[in-house]
PDB file of all heavy atoms in Angstrom:
ATOM      1  N   LEU A   1      14.005  -7.782  -2.124  1.00  0.00           N
ATOM      2  CA  LEU A   1      14.059  -7.145  -0.805  1.00  0.00           C
ATOM      3  C   LEU A   1      13.153  -7.906   0.072  1.00  0.00           C
ATOM      4  O   LEU A   1      11.960  -8.103  -0.170  1.00  0.00           O
ATOM      5  CB  LEU A   1      13.559  -5.658  -0.946  1.00  0.00           C
ATOM      6  CG  LEU A   1      13.411  -4.844   0.237  1.00  0.00           C
ATOM      7  CD1 LEU A   1      14.729  -4.650   0.941  1.00  0.00           C
ATOM      8  CD2 LEU A   1      12.805  -3.505  -0.097  1.00  0.00           C
ATOM      9  N   ASP A   2      13.633  -8.353   1.212  1.00  0.00           N
ATOM     10  CA  ASP A   2      12.832  -9.001   2.255  1.00  0.00           C
ATOM     11  C   ASP A   2      12.091  -7.962   3.058  1.00  0.00           C
ATOM     12  O   ASP A   2      12.766  -7.255   3.930  1.00  0.00           O
ATOM     13  CB  ASP A   2      13.785  -9.825   3.132  1.00  0.00           C
ATOM     14  CG  ASP A   2      13.017 -10.638   4.174  1.00  0.00           C
ATOM     15  OD1 ASP A   2      11.836 -10.220   4.530  1.00  0.00           O
ATOM     16  OD2 ASP A   2      13.580 -11.598   4.666  1.00  0.00           O
ATOM     17  N   VAL A   3      10.883  -7.671   2.687  1.00  0.00           N
ATOM     18  CA  VAL A   3      10.050  -6.619   3.344  1.00  0.00           C
ATOM     19  C   VAL A   3       9.901  -6.797   4.794  1.00  0.00           C
ATOM     20  O   VAL A   3       9.692  -5.856   5.483  1.00  0.00           O
ATOM     21  CB  VAL A   3       8.785  -6.300   2.565  1.00  0.00           C
ATOM     22  CG1 VAL A   3       9.026  -5.898   1.154  1.00  0.00           C
ATOM     23  CG2 VAL A   3       7.822  -7.453   2.648  1.00  0.00           C
ATOM     24  N   LEU A   4       9.853  -8.031   5.297  1.00  0.00           N
ATOM     25  CA  LEU A   4       9.765  -8.172   6.735  1.00  0.00           C
ATOM     26  C   LEU A   4      11.048  -7.888   7.458  1.00  0.00           C
ATOM     27  O   LEU A   4      11.032  -7.253   8.534  1.00  0.00           O
ATOM     28  CB  LEU A   4       9.376  -9.634   7.032  1.00  0.00           C
ATOM     29  CG  LEU A   4       8.027 -10.139   6.547  1.00  0.00           C
ATOM     30  CD1 LEU A   4       7.731 -11.535   6.778  1.00  0.00           C
ATOM     31  CD2 LEU A   4       6.915  -9.242   7.126  1.00  0.00           C
ATOM     32  N   ALA A   5      12.126  -8.202   6.908  1.00  0.00           N
ATOM     33  CA  ALA A   5      13.425  -7.911   7.537  1.00  0.00           C
ATOM     34  C   ALA A   5      13.842  -6.470   7.318  1.00  0.00           C
ATOM     35  O   ALA A   5      14.632  -5.939   8.170  1.00  0.00           O
ATOM     36  CB  ALA A   5      14.554  -8.890   7.028  1.00  0.00           C
ATOM     37  N   GLU A   6      13.410  -5.889   6.272  1.00  0.00           N
ATOM     38  CA  GLU A   6      13.815  -4.540   5.869  1.00  0.00           C
ATOM     39  C   GLU A   6      12.613  -3.582   5.762  1.00  0.00           C
ATOM     40  O   GLU A   6      12.525  -2.823   4.824  1.00  0.00           O
ATOM     41  CB  GLU A   6      14.570  -4.548   4.524  1.00  0.00           C
ATOM     42  CG  GLU A   6      15.810  -5.454   4.544  1.00  0.00           C
ATOM     43  CD  GLU A   6      16.925  -4.813   5.367  1.00  0.00           C
ATOM     44  OE1 GLU A   6      16.893  -3.610   5.704  1.00  0.00           O
ATOM     45  OE2 GLU A   6      17.849  -5.579   5.687  1.00  0.00           O
ATOM     46  N   GLN A   7      11.680  -3.652   6.734  1.00  0.00           N
ATOM     47  CA  GLN A   7      10.487  -2.825   6.703  1.00  0.00           C
ATOM     48  C   GLN A   7      10.750  -1.340   6.441  1.00  0.00           C
ATOM     49  O   GLN A   7      10.066  -0.773   5.604  1.00  0.00           O
ATOM     50  CB  GLN A   7       9.651  -3.058   7.916  1.00  0.00           C
ATOM     51  CG  GLN A   7       8.973  -4.410   7.921  1.00  0.00           C
ATOM     52  CD  GLN A   7       8.044  -4.517   9.072  1.00  0.00           C
ATOM     53  OE1 GLN A   7       7.857  -3.709   9.917  1.00  0.00           O
ATOM     54  NE2 GLN A   7       7.533  -5.721   9.263  1.00  0.00           N
ATOM     55  N   PRO A   8      11.641  -0.677   7.191  1.00  0.00           N
ATOM     56  CA  PRO A   8      11.887   0.718   7.047  1.00  0.00           C
ATOM     57  C   PRO A   8      12.367   1.056   5.513  1.00  0.00           C
ATOM     58  O   PRO A   8      11.853   1.999   4.919  1.00  0.00           O
ATOM     59  CB  PRO A   8      12.961   1.102   7.986  1.00  0.00           C
ATOM     60  CG  PRO A   8      12.820   0.065   9.029  1.00  0.00           C
ATOM     61  CD  PRO A   8      12.465  -1.208   8.347  1.00  0.00           C
ATOM     62  N   LEU A   9      13.169   0.190   4.993  1.00  0.00           N
ATOM     63  CA  LEU A   9      13.729   0.431   3.635  1.00  0.00           C
ATOM     64  C   LEU A   9      12.566   0.215   2.651  1.00  0.00           C
ATOM     65  O   LEU A   9      12.312   0.997   1.755  1.00  0.00           O
ATOM     66  CB  LEU A   9      14.878  -0.591   3.356  1.00  0.00           C
ATOM     67  CG  LEU A   9      15.393  -0.536   1.886  1.00  0.00           C
ATOM     68  CD1 LEU A   9      15.964   0.849   1.547  1.00  0.00           C
ATOM     69  CD2 LEU A   9      16.501  -1.606   1.782  1.00  0.00           C
ATOM     70  N   ALA A  10      11.789  -0.828   2.814  1.00  0.00           N
ATOM     71  CA  ALA A  10      10.696  -1.120   1.915  1.00  0.00           C
ATOM     72  C   ALA A  10       9.662  -0.025   1.900  1.00  0.00           C
ATOM     73  O   ALA A  10       9.244   0.493   0.848  1.00  0.00           O
ATOM     74  CB  ALA A  10      10.020  -2.457   2.279  1.00  0.00           C
ATOM     75  N   ARG A  11       9.289   0.432   3.054  1.00  0.00           N
ATOM     76  CA  ARG A  11       8.274   1.524   3.195  1.00  0.00           C
ATOM     77  C   ARG A  11       8.821   2.842   2.696  1.00  0.00           C
ATOM     78  O   ARG A  11       8.109   3.642   1.995  1.00  0.00           O
ATOM     79  CB  ARG A  11       7.782   1.712   4.641  1.00  0.00           C
ATOM     80  CG  ARG A  11       7.203   0.363   5.185  1.00  0.00           C
ATOM     81  CD  ARG A  11       5.720   0.440   5.338  1.00  0.00           C
ATOM     82  NE  ARG A  11       5.259  -0.709   5.961  1.00  0.00           N
ATOM     83  CZ  ARG A  11       4.305  -1.408   5.414  1.00  0.00           C
ATOM     84  NH1 ARG A  11       3.694  -1.045   4.343  1.00  0.00           N
ATOM     85  NH2 ARG A  11       3.799  -2.491   6.016  1.00  0.00           N
ATOM     86  N   GLY A  12      10.112   3.174   2.948  1.00  0.00           N
ATOM     87  CA  GLY A  12      10.711   4.262   2.471  1.00  0.00           C
ATOM     88  C   GLY A  12      10.852   4.330   0.927  1.00  0.00           C
ATOM     89  O   GLY A  12      10.606   5.375   0.346  1.00  0.00           O
ATOM     90  N   LEU A  13      11.150   3.174   0.321  1.00  0.00           N
ATOM     91  CA  LEU A  13      11.267   3.096  -1.089  1.00  0.00           C
ATOM     92  C   LEU A  13       9.908   3.342  -1.746  1.00  0.00           C
ATOM     93  O   LEU A  13       9.855   4.213  -2.703  1.00  0.00           O
ATOM     94  CB  LEU A  13      11.751   1.736  -1.500  1.00  0.00           C
ATOM     95  CG  LEU A  13      11.924   1.463  -2.962  1.00  0.00           C
ATOM     96  CD1 LEU A  13      12.902   2.369  -3.639  1.00  0.00           C
ATOM     97  CD2 LEU A  13      12.316  -0.034  -3.274  1.00  0.00           C
ATOM     98  N   THR A  14       8.850   2.703  -1.321  1.00  0.00           N
ATOM     99  CA  THR A  14       7.574   2.943  -1.951  1.00  0.00           C
ATOM    100  C   THR A  14       7.053   4.312  -1.669  1.00  0.00           C
ATOM    101  O   THR A  14       6.408   4.909  -2.608  1.00  0.00           O
ATOM    102  CB  THR A  14       6.563   1.834  -1.473  1.00  0.00           C
ATOM    103  OG1 THR A  14       6.450   1.819  -0.039  1.00  0.00           O
ATOM    104  CG2 THR A  14       6.930   0.506  -2.050  1.00  0.00           C
ATOM    105  N   ALA A  15       7.351   4.923  -0.527  1.00  0.00           N
ATOM    106  CA  ALA A  15       6.961   6.256  -0.258  1.00  0.00           C
ATOM    107  C   ALA A  15       7.670   7.230  -1.163  1.00  0.00           C
ATOM    108  O   ALA A  15       7.084   8.146  -1.691  1.00  0.00           O
ATOM    109  CB  ALA A  15       7.222   6.615   1.198  1.00  0.00           C
ATOM    110  N   ALA A  16       8.947   7.067  -1.375  1.00  0.00           N
ATOM    111  CA  ALA A  16       9.771   7.975  -2.189  1.00  0.00           C
ATOM    112  C   ALA A  16       9.269   7.837  -3.624  1.00  0.00           C
ATOM    113  O   ALA A  16       9.345   8.791  -4.436  1.00  0.00           O
ATOM    114  CB  ALA A  16      11.190   7.596  -2.091  1.00  0.00           C
ATOM    115  N   LEU A  17       8.795   6.695  -4.071  1.00  0.00           N
ATOM    116  CA  LEU A  17       8.361   6.444  -5.398  1.00  0.00           C
ATOM    117  C   LEU A  17       6.892   6.758  -5.565  1.00  0.00           C
ATOM    118  O   LEU A  17       6.380   6.753  -6.730  1.00  0.00           O
ATOM    119  CB  LEU A  17       8.613   5.045  -5.795  1.00  0.00           C
ATOM    120  CG  LEU A  17      10.096   4.606  -5.871  1.00  0.00           C
ATOM    121  CD1 LEU A  17      10.268   3.085  -6.112  1.00  0.00           C
ATOM    122  CD2 LEU A  17      10.822   5.360  -6.971  1.00  0.00           C
ATOM    123  N   ASP A  18       6.205   7.099  -4.511  1.00  0.00           N
ATOM    124  CA  ASP A  18       4.791   7.402  -4.491  1.00  0.00           C
ATOM    125  C   ASP A  18       4.020   6.238  -5.138  1.00  0.00           C
ATOM    126  O   ASP A  18       3.098   6.351  -5.943  1.00  0.00           O
ATOM    127  CB  ASP A  18       4.496   8.629  -5.305  1.00  0.00           C
ATOM    128  CG  ASP A  18       3.021   9.189  -5.033  1.00  0.00           C
ATOM    129  OD1 ASP A  18       2.544   8.892  -3.931  1.00  0.00           O
ATOM    130  OD2 ASP A  18       2.499   9.795  -5.892  1.00  0.00           O
ATOM    131  N   VAL A  19       4.359   5.038  -4.615  1.00  0.00           N
ATOM    132  CA  VAL A  19       3.711   3.726  -5.019  1.00  0.00           C
ATOM    133  C   VAL A  19       3.168   3.090  -3.686  1.00  0.00           C
ATOM    134  O   VAL A  19       3.950   3.043  -2.711  1.00  0.00           O
ATOM    135  CB  VAL A  19       4.759   2.783  -5.731  1.00  0.00           C
ATOM    136  CG1 VAL A  19       4.133   1.436  -5.966  1.00  0.00           C
ATOM    137  CG2 VAL A  19       5.261   3.451  -6.991  1.00  0.00           C
ATOM    138  N   LYS A  20       1.956   2.600  -3.766  1.00  0.00           N
ATOM    139  CA  LYS A  20       1.428   1.895  -2.584  1.00  0.00           C
ATOM    140  C   LYS A  20       2.269   0.613  -2.414  1.00  0.00           C
ATOM    141  O   LYS A  20       2.582  -0.199  -3.312  1.00  0.00           O
ATOM    142  CB  LYS A  20      -0.016   1.497  -2.923  1.00  0.00           C
ATOM    143  CG  LYS A  20      -0.689   0.714  -1.755  1.00  0.00           C
ATOM    144  CD  LYS A  20      -2.061   0.359  -2.097  1.00  0.00           C
ATOM    145  CE  LYS A  20      -2.699  -0.527  -1.104  1.00  0.00           C
ATOM    146  NZ  LYS A  20      -3.977  -1.070  -1.452  1.00  0.00           N
ATOM    147  N   HIS A  21       2.642   0.358  -1.115  1.00  0.00           N
ATOM    148  CA  HIS A  21       3.341  -0.793  -0.788  1.00  0.00           C
ATOM    149  C   HIS A  21       2.446  -2.037  -0.788  1.00  0.00           C
ATOM    150  O   HIS A  21       1.383  -2.059  -0.235  1.00  0.00           O
ATOM    151  CB  HIS A  21       3.960  -0.693   0.594  1.00  0.00           C
ATOM    152  CG  HIS A  21       4.558  -2.000   1.079  1.00  0.00           C
ATOM    153  ND1 HIS A  21       5.826  -2.041   1.682  1.00  0.00           N
ATOM    154  CD2 HIS A  21       4.119  -3.259   1.109  1.00  0.00           C
ATOM    155  CE1 HIS A  21       6.068  -3.304   1.972  1.00  0.00           C
ATOM    156  NE2 HIS A  21       5.057  -4.057   1.680  1.00  0.00           N
ATOM    157  N   GLU A  22       2.836  -3.038  -1.626  1.00  0.00           N
ATOM    158  CA  GLU A  22       2.088  -4.294  -1.676  1.00  0.00           C
ATOM    159  C   GLU A  22       3.069  -5.421  -1.646  1.00  0.00           C
ATOM    160  O   GLU A  22       4.220  -5.237  -2.021  1.00  0.00           O
ATOM    161  CB  GLU A  22       1.215  -4.362  -2.868  1.00  0.00           C
ATOM    162  CG  GLU A  22       0.212  -3.176  -2.967  1.00  0.00           C
ATOM    163  CD  GLU A  22      -0.770  -3.330  -4.133  1.00  0.00           C
ATOM    164  OE1 GLU A  22      -1.618  -4.206  -4.038  1.00  0.00           O
ATOM    165  OE2 GLU A  22      -0.640  -2.575  -5.013  1.00  0.00           O
ATOM    166  N   SER A  23       2.682  -6.594  -1.347  1.00  0.00           N
ATOM    167  CA  SER A  23       3.565  -7.692  -1.354  1.00  0.00           C
ATOM    168  C   SER A  23       2.832  -8.999  -1.731  1.00  0.00           C
ATOM    169  O   SER A  23       1.787  -9.268  -1.101  1.00  0.00           O
ATOM    170  CB  SER A  23       4.198  -7.928   0.075  1.00  0.00           C
ATOM    171  OG  SER A  23       5.208  -8.853   0.069  1.00  0.00           O
ATOM    172  N   PRO A  24       3.268  -9.618  -2.756  1.00  0.00           N
ATOM    173  CA  PRO A  24       4.458  -9.390  -3.506  1.00  0.00           C
ATOM    174  C   PRO A  24       4.328  -8.195  -4.513  1.00  0.00           C
ATOM    175  O   PRO A  24       3.181  -7.860  -4.853  1.00  0.00           O
ATOM    176  CB  PRO A  24       4.719 -10.618  -4.310  1.00  0.00           C
ATOM    177  CG  PRO A  24       3.342 -11.164  -4.536  1.00  0.00           C
ATOM    178  CD  PRO A  24       2.531 -10.783  -3.282  1.00  0.00           C
ATOM    179  N   GLN A  25       5.487  -7.624  -4.865  1.00  0.00           N
ATOM    180  CA  GLN A  25       5.469  -6.440  -5.729  1.00  0.00           C
ATOM    181  C   GLN A  25       6.652  -6.406  -6.593  1.00  0.00           C
ATOM    182  O   GLN A  25       7.779  -6.809  -6.096  1.00  0.00           O
ATOM    183  CB  GLN A  25       5.438  -5.187  -4.881  1.00  0.00           C
ATOM    184  CG  GLN A  25       5.284  -3.893  -5.555  1.00  0.00           C
ATOM    185  CD  GLN A  25       4.997  -2.754  -4.543  1.00  0.00           C
ATOM    186  OE1 GLN A  25       5.418  -2.764  -3.455  1.00  0.00           O
ATOM    187  NE2 GLN A  25       4.256  -1.791  -5.047  1.00  0.00           N
ATOM    188  N   VAL A  26       6.548  -5.970  -7.820  1.00  0.00           N
ATOM    189  CA  VAL A  26       7.742  -5.799  -8.748  1.00  0.00           C
ATOM    190  C   VAL A  26       7.778  -4.347  -9.142  1.00  0.00           C
ATOM    191  O   VAL A  26       6.792  -3.754  -9.478  1.00  0.00           O
ATOM    192  CB  VAL A  26       7.577  -6.651  -9.995  1.00  0.00           C
ATOM    193  CG1 VAL A  26       8.604  -6.321 -11.042  1.00  0.00           C
ATOM    194  CG2 VAL A  26       7.562  -8.160  -9.624  1.00  0.00           C
ATOM    195  N   LEU A  27       8.981  -3.826  -9.002  1.00  0.00           N
ATOM    196  CA  LEU A  27       9.261  -2.399  -9.450  1.00  0.00           C
ATOM    197  C   LEU A  27      10.319  -2.473 -10.528  1.00  0.00           C
ATOM    198  O   LEU A  27      11.413  -3.049 -10.336  1.00  0.00           O
ATOM    199  CB  LEU A  27       9.804  -1.562  -8.324  1.00  0.00           C
ATOM    200  CG  LEU A  27       8.941  -1.520  -7.009  1.00  0.00           C
ATOM    201  CD1 LEU A  27       9.709  -0.862  -5.859  1.00  0.00           C
ATOM    202  CD2 LEU A  27       7.617  -0.797  -7.358  1.00  0.00           C
ATOM    203  N   LEU A  28      10.014  -1.936 -11.752  1.00  0.00           N
ATOM    204  CA  LEU A  28      10.951  -1.981 -12.843  1.00  0.00           C
ATOM    205  C   LEU A  28      11.484  -0.628 -13.080  1.00  0.00           C
ATOM    206  O   LEU A  28      10.701   0.393 -13.269  1.00  0.00           O
ATOM    207  CB  LEU A  28      10.222  -2.482 -14.123  1.00  0.00           C
ATOM    208  CG  LEU A  28      11.126  -2.637 -15.337  1.00  0.00           C
ATOM    209  CD1 LEU A  28      12.257  -3.554 -15.209  1.00  0.00           C
ATOM    210  CD2 LEU A  28      10.234  -2.949 -16.583  1.00  0.00           C
ATOM    211  N   PHE A  29      12.850  -0.473 -13.084  1.00  0.00           N
ATOM    212  CA  PHE A  29      13.463   0.789 -13.288  1.00  0.00           C
ATOM    213  C   PHE A  29      14.183   0.804 -14.572  1.00  0.00           C
ATOM    214  O   PHE A  29      14.761  -0.240 -14.959  1.00  0.00           O
ATOM    215  CB  PHE A  29      14.486   1.082 -12.146  1.00  0.00           C
ATOM    216  CG  PHE A  29      13.815   1.210 -10.828  1.00  0.00           C
ATOM    217  CD1 PHE A  29      13.561   0.066 -10.003  1.00  0.00           C
ATOM    218  CD2 PHE A  29      13.438   2.435 -10.294  1.00  0.00           C
ATOM    219  CE1 PHE A  29      13.041   0.202  -8.735  1.00  0.00           C
ATOM    220  CE2 PHE A  29      12.932   2.558  -9.035  1.00  0.00           C
ATOM    221  CZ  PHE A  29      12.661   1.431  -8.249  1.00  0.00           C
ATOM    222  N   GLU A  30      14.212   1.956 -15.195  1.00  0.00           N
ATOM    223  CA  GLU A  30      15.106   2.152 -16.398  1.00  0.00           C
ATOM    224  C   GLU A  30      15.807   3.475 -16.231  1.00  0.00           C
ATOM    225  O   GLU A  30      15.098   4.512 -16.002  1.00  0.00           O
ATOM    226  CB  GLU A  30      14.232   2.156 -17.707  1.00  0.00           C
ATOM    227  CG  GLU A  30      15.104   2.224 -18.880  1.00  0.00           C
ATOM    228  CD  GLU A  30      14.299   2.060 -20.197  1.00  0.00           C
ATOM    229  OE1 GLU A  30      13.125   2.118 -20.135  1.00  0.00           O
ATOM    230  OE2 GLU A  30      14.992   1.875 -21.214  1.00  0.00           O
ATOM    231  N   GLY A  31      17.088   3.522 -16.268  1.00  0.00           N
ATOM    232  CA  GLY A  31      17.832   4.694 -16.054  1.00  0.00           C
ATOM    233  C   GLY A  31      17.599   5.364 -14.684  1.00  0.00           C
ATOM    234  O   GLY A  31      17.573   6.568 -14.595  1.00  0.00           O
ATOM    235  N   GLY A  32      17.329   4.595 -13.703  1.00  0.00           N
ATOM    236  CA  GLY A  32      17.076   5.101 -12.405  1.00  0.00           C
ATOM    237  C   GLY A  32      15.665   5.622 -12.165  1.00  0.00           C
ATOM    238  O   GLY A  32      15.255   6.043 -11.092  1.00  0.00           O
ATOM    239  N   GLU A  33      14.784   5.518 -13.225  1.00  0.00           N
ATOM    240  CA  GLU A  33      13.387   5.923 -13.075  1.00  0.00           C
ATOM    241  C   GLU A  33      12.488   4.787 -13.038  1.00  0.00           C
ATOM    242  O   GLU A  33      12.670   3.799 -13.773  1.00  0.00           O
ATOM    243  CB  GLU A  33      13.004   6.804 -14.252  1.00  0.00           C
ATOM    244  CG  GLU A  33      13.782   8.069 -14.404  1.00  0.00           C
ATOM    245  CD  GLU A  33      13.477   9.115 -13.335  1.00  0.00           C
ATOM    246  OE1 GLU A  33      12.302   9.246 -12.970  1.00  0.00           O
ATOM    247  OE2 GLU A  33      14.399   9.766 -12.934  1.00  0.00           O
ATOM    248  N   LEU A  34      11.486   4.830 -12.179  1.00  0.00           N
ATOM    249  CA  LEU A  34      10.407   3.712 -12.139  1.00  0.00           C
ATOM    250  C   LEU A  34       9.595   3.815 -13.362  1.00  0.00           C
ATOM    251  O   LEU A  34       9.078   4.885 -13.675  1.00  0.00           O
ATOM    252  CB  LEU A  34       9.520   3.965 -10.893  1.00  0.00           C
ATOM    253  CG  LEU A  34       8.409   2.934 -10.688  1.00  0.00           C
ATOM    254  CD1 LEU A  34       8.996   1.493 -10.478  1.00  0.00           C
ATOM    255  CD2 LEU A  34       7.514   3.339  -9.550  1.00  0.00           C
ATOM    256  N   VAL A  35       9.578   2.805 -14.163  1.00  0.00           N
ATOM    257  CA  VAL A  35       8.820   2.755 -15.412  1.00  0.00           C
ATOM    258  C   VAL A  35       7.619   1.786 -15.385  1.00  0.00           C
ATOM    259  O   VAL A  35       6.762   1.840 -16.228  1.00  0.00           O
ATOM    260  CB  VAL A  35       9.754   2.389 -16.617  1.00  0.00           C
ATOM    261  CG1 VAL A  35      10.786   3.563 -16.761  1.00  0.00           C
ATOM    262  CG2 VAL A  35      10.470   1.091 -16.442  1.00  0.00           C
ATOM    263  N   TRP A  36       7.567   0.883 -14.407  1.00  0.00           N
ATOM    264  CA  TRP A  36       6.414  -0.059 -14.320  1.00  0.00           C
ATOM    265  C   TRP A  36       6.456  -0.729 -12.958  1.00  0.00           C
ATOM    266  O   TRP A  36       7.478  -0.898 -12.402  1.00  0.00           O
ATOM    267  CB  TRP A  36       6.596  -1.084 -15.432  1.00  0.00           C
ATOM    268  CG  TRP A  36       5.547  -2.180 -15.432  1.00  0.00           C
ATOM    269  CD1 TRP A  36       4.227  -2.028 -15.922  1.00  0.00           C
ATOM    270  CD2 TRP A  36       5.672  -3.545 -15.039  1.00  0.00           C
ATOM    271  NE1 TRP A  36       3.593  -3.264 -15.771  1.00  0.00           N
ATOM    272  CE2 TRP A  36       4.472  -4.117 -15.214  1.00  0.00           C
ATOM    273  CE3 TRP A  36       6.715  -4.224 -14.512  1.00  0.00           C
ATOM    274  CZ2 TRP A  36       4.282  -5.501 -14.929  1.00  0.00           C
ATOM    275  CZ3 TRP A  36       6.510  -5.571 -14.120  1.00  0.00           C
ATOM    276  CH2 TRP A  36       5.236  -6.225 -14.409  1.00  0.00           C
ATOM    277  N   HIS A  37       5.284  -0.999 -12.527  1.00  0.00           N
ATOM    278  CA  HIS A  37       5.211  -1.784 -11.207  1.00  0.00           C
ATOM    279  C   HIS A  37       3.976  -2.614 -11.273  1.00  0.00           C
ATOM    280  O   HIS A  37       2.959  -2.341 -11.993  1.00  0.00           O
ATOM    281  CB  HIS A  37       5.241  -0.910  -9.969  1.00  0.00           C
ATOM    282  CG  HIS A  37       4.065   0.062  -9.837  1.00  0.00           C
ATOM    283  ND1 HIS A  37       2.968  -0.241  -9.210  1.00  0.00           N
ATOM    284  CD2 HIS A  37       3.960   1.329 -10.378  1.00  0.00           C
ATOM    285  CE1 HIS A  37       2.140   0.821  -9.265  1.00  0.00           C
ATOM    286  NE2 HIS A  37       2.768   1.734  -9.970  1.00  0.00           N
ATOM    287  N   ALA A  38       3.987  -3.720 -10.565  1.00  0.00           N
ATOM    288  CA  ALA A  38       2.843  -4.636 -10.531  1.00  0.00           C
ATOM    289  C   ALA A  38       2.902  -5.353  -9.214  1.00  0.00           C
ATOM    290  O   ALA A  38       3.918  -5.459  -8.488  1.00  0.00           O
ATOM    291  CB  ALA A  38       2.892  -5.652 -11.661  1.00  0.00           C
ATOM    292  N   SER A  39       1.734  -5.862  -8.787  1.00  0.00           N
ATOM    293  CA  SER A  39       1.677  -6.670  -7.511  1.00  0.00           C
ATOM    294  C   SER A  39       0.746  -7.877  -7.709  1.00  0.00           C
ATOM    295  O   SER A  39      -0.075  -7.878  -8.678  1.00  0.00           O
ATOM    296  CB  SER A  39       1.192  -5.799  -6.418  1.00  0.00           C
ATOM    297  OG  SER A  39      -0.115  -5.377  -6.609  1.00  0.00           O
ATOM    298  N   HIS A  40       0.854  -8.747  -6.800  1.00  0.00           N
ATOM    299  CA  HIS A  40       0.007  -9.983  -6.672  1.00  0.00           C
ATOM    300  C   HIS A  40      -0.163 -10.715  -8.048  1.00  0.00           C
ATOM    301  O   HIS A  40       0.830 -10.983  -8.754  1.00  0.00           O
ATOM    302  CB  HIS A  40      -1.329  -9.572  -6.099  1.00  0.00           C
ATOM    303  CG  HIS A  40      -1.193  -9.074  -4.702  1.00  0.00           C
ATOM    304  ND1 HIS A  40      -0.971  -7.740  -4.471  1.00  0.00           N
ATOM    305  CD2 HIS A  40      -1.216  -9.664  -3.491  1.00  0.00           C
ATOM    306  CE1 HIS A  40      -0.880  -7.536  -3.071  1.00  0.00           C
ATOM    307  NE2 HIS A  40      -0.918  -8.723  -2.569  1.00  0.00           N
ATOM    308  N   GLN A  41      -1.397 -10.958  -8.535  1.00  0.00           N
ATOM    309  CA  GLN A  41      -1.567 -11.728  -9.723  1.00  0.00           C
ATOM    310  C   GLN A  41      -1.176 -11.078 -10.961  1.00  0.00           C
ATOM    311  O   GLN A  41      -0.996 -11.660 -12.045  1.00  0.00           O
ATOM    312  CB  GLN A  41      -3.101 -12.134  -9.846  1.00  0.00           C
ATOM    313  CG  GLN A  41      -3.488 -13.139  -8.832  1.00  0.00           C
ATOM    314  CD  GLN A  41      -3.778 -12.590  -7.432  1.00  0.00           C
ATOM    315  OE1 GLN A  41      -3.948 -11.405  -7.242  1.00  0.00           O
ATOM    316  NE2 GLN A  41      -3.779 -13.456  -6.404  1.00  0.00           N
ATOM    317  N   ALA A  42      -0.921  -9.719 -10.893  1.00  0.00           N
ATOM    318  CA  ALA A  42      -0.406  -9.050 -12.114  1.00  0.00           C
ATOM    319  C   ALA A  42       1.050  -9.339 -12.447  1.00  0.00           C
ATOM    320  O   ALA A  42       1.521  -9.027 -13.480  1.00  0.00           O
ATOM    321  CB  ALA A  42      -0.650  -7.505 -11.937  1.00  0.00           C
ATOM    322  N   ILE A  43       1.745  -9.943 -11.450  1.00  0.00           N
ATOM    323  CA  ILE A  43       3.089 -10.351 -11.637  1.00  0.00           C
ATOM    324  C   ILE A  43       3.184 -11.665 -12.346  1.00  0.00           C
ATOM    325  O   ILE A  43       2.918 -12.750 -11.760  1.00  0.00           O
ATOM    326  CB  ILE A  43       3.847 -10.398 -10.304  1.00  0.00           C
ATOM    327  CG1 ILE A  43       3.791  -9.055  -9.522  1.00  0.00           C
ATOM    328  CG2 ILE A  43       5.329 -10.798 -10.527  1.00  0.00           C
ATOM    329  CD1 ILE A  43       4.336  -9.168  -8.124  1.00  0.00           C
TER     330      ILE A  43
END
């Protein structure tokens, strides 16, 4: 997701998931559920 081009989508996604928006960021889903996320050097 290009967070600069898709700011509303990116902010809405992290808000809906109750995850702080960071960039870069990885969100891992399993069965439609967020199971892990990481940002910056943790990626």
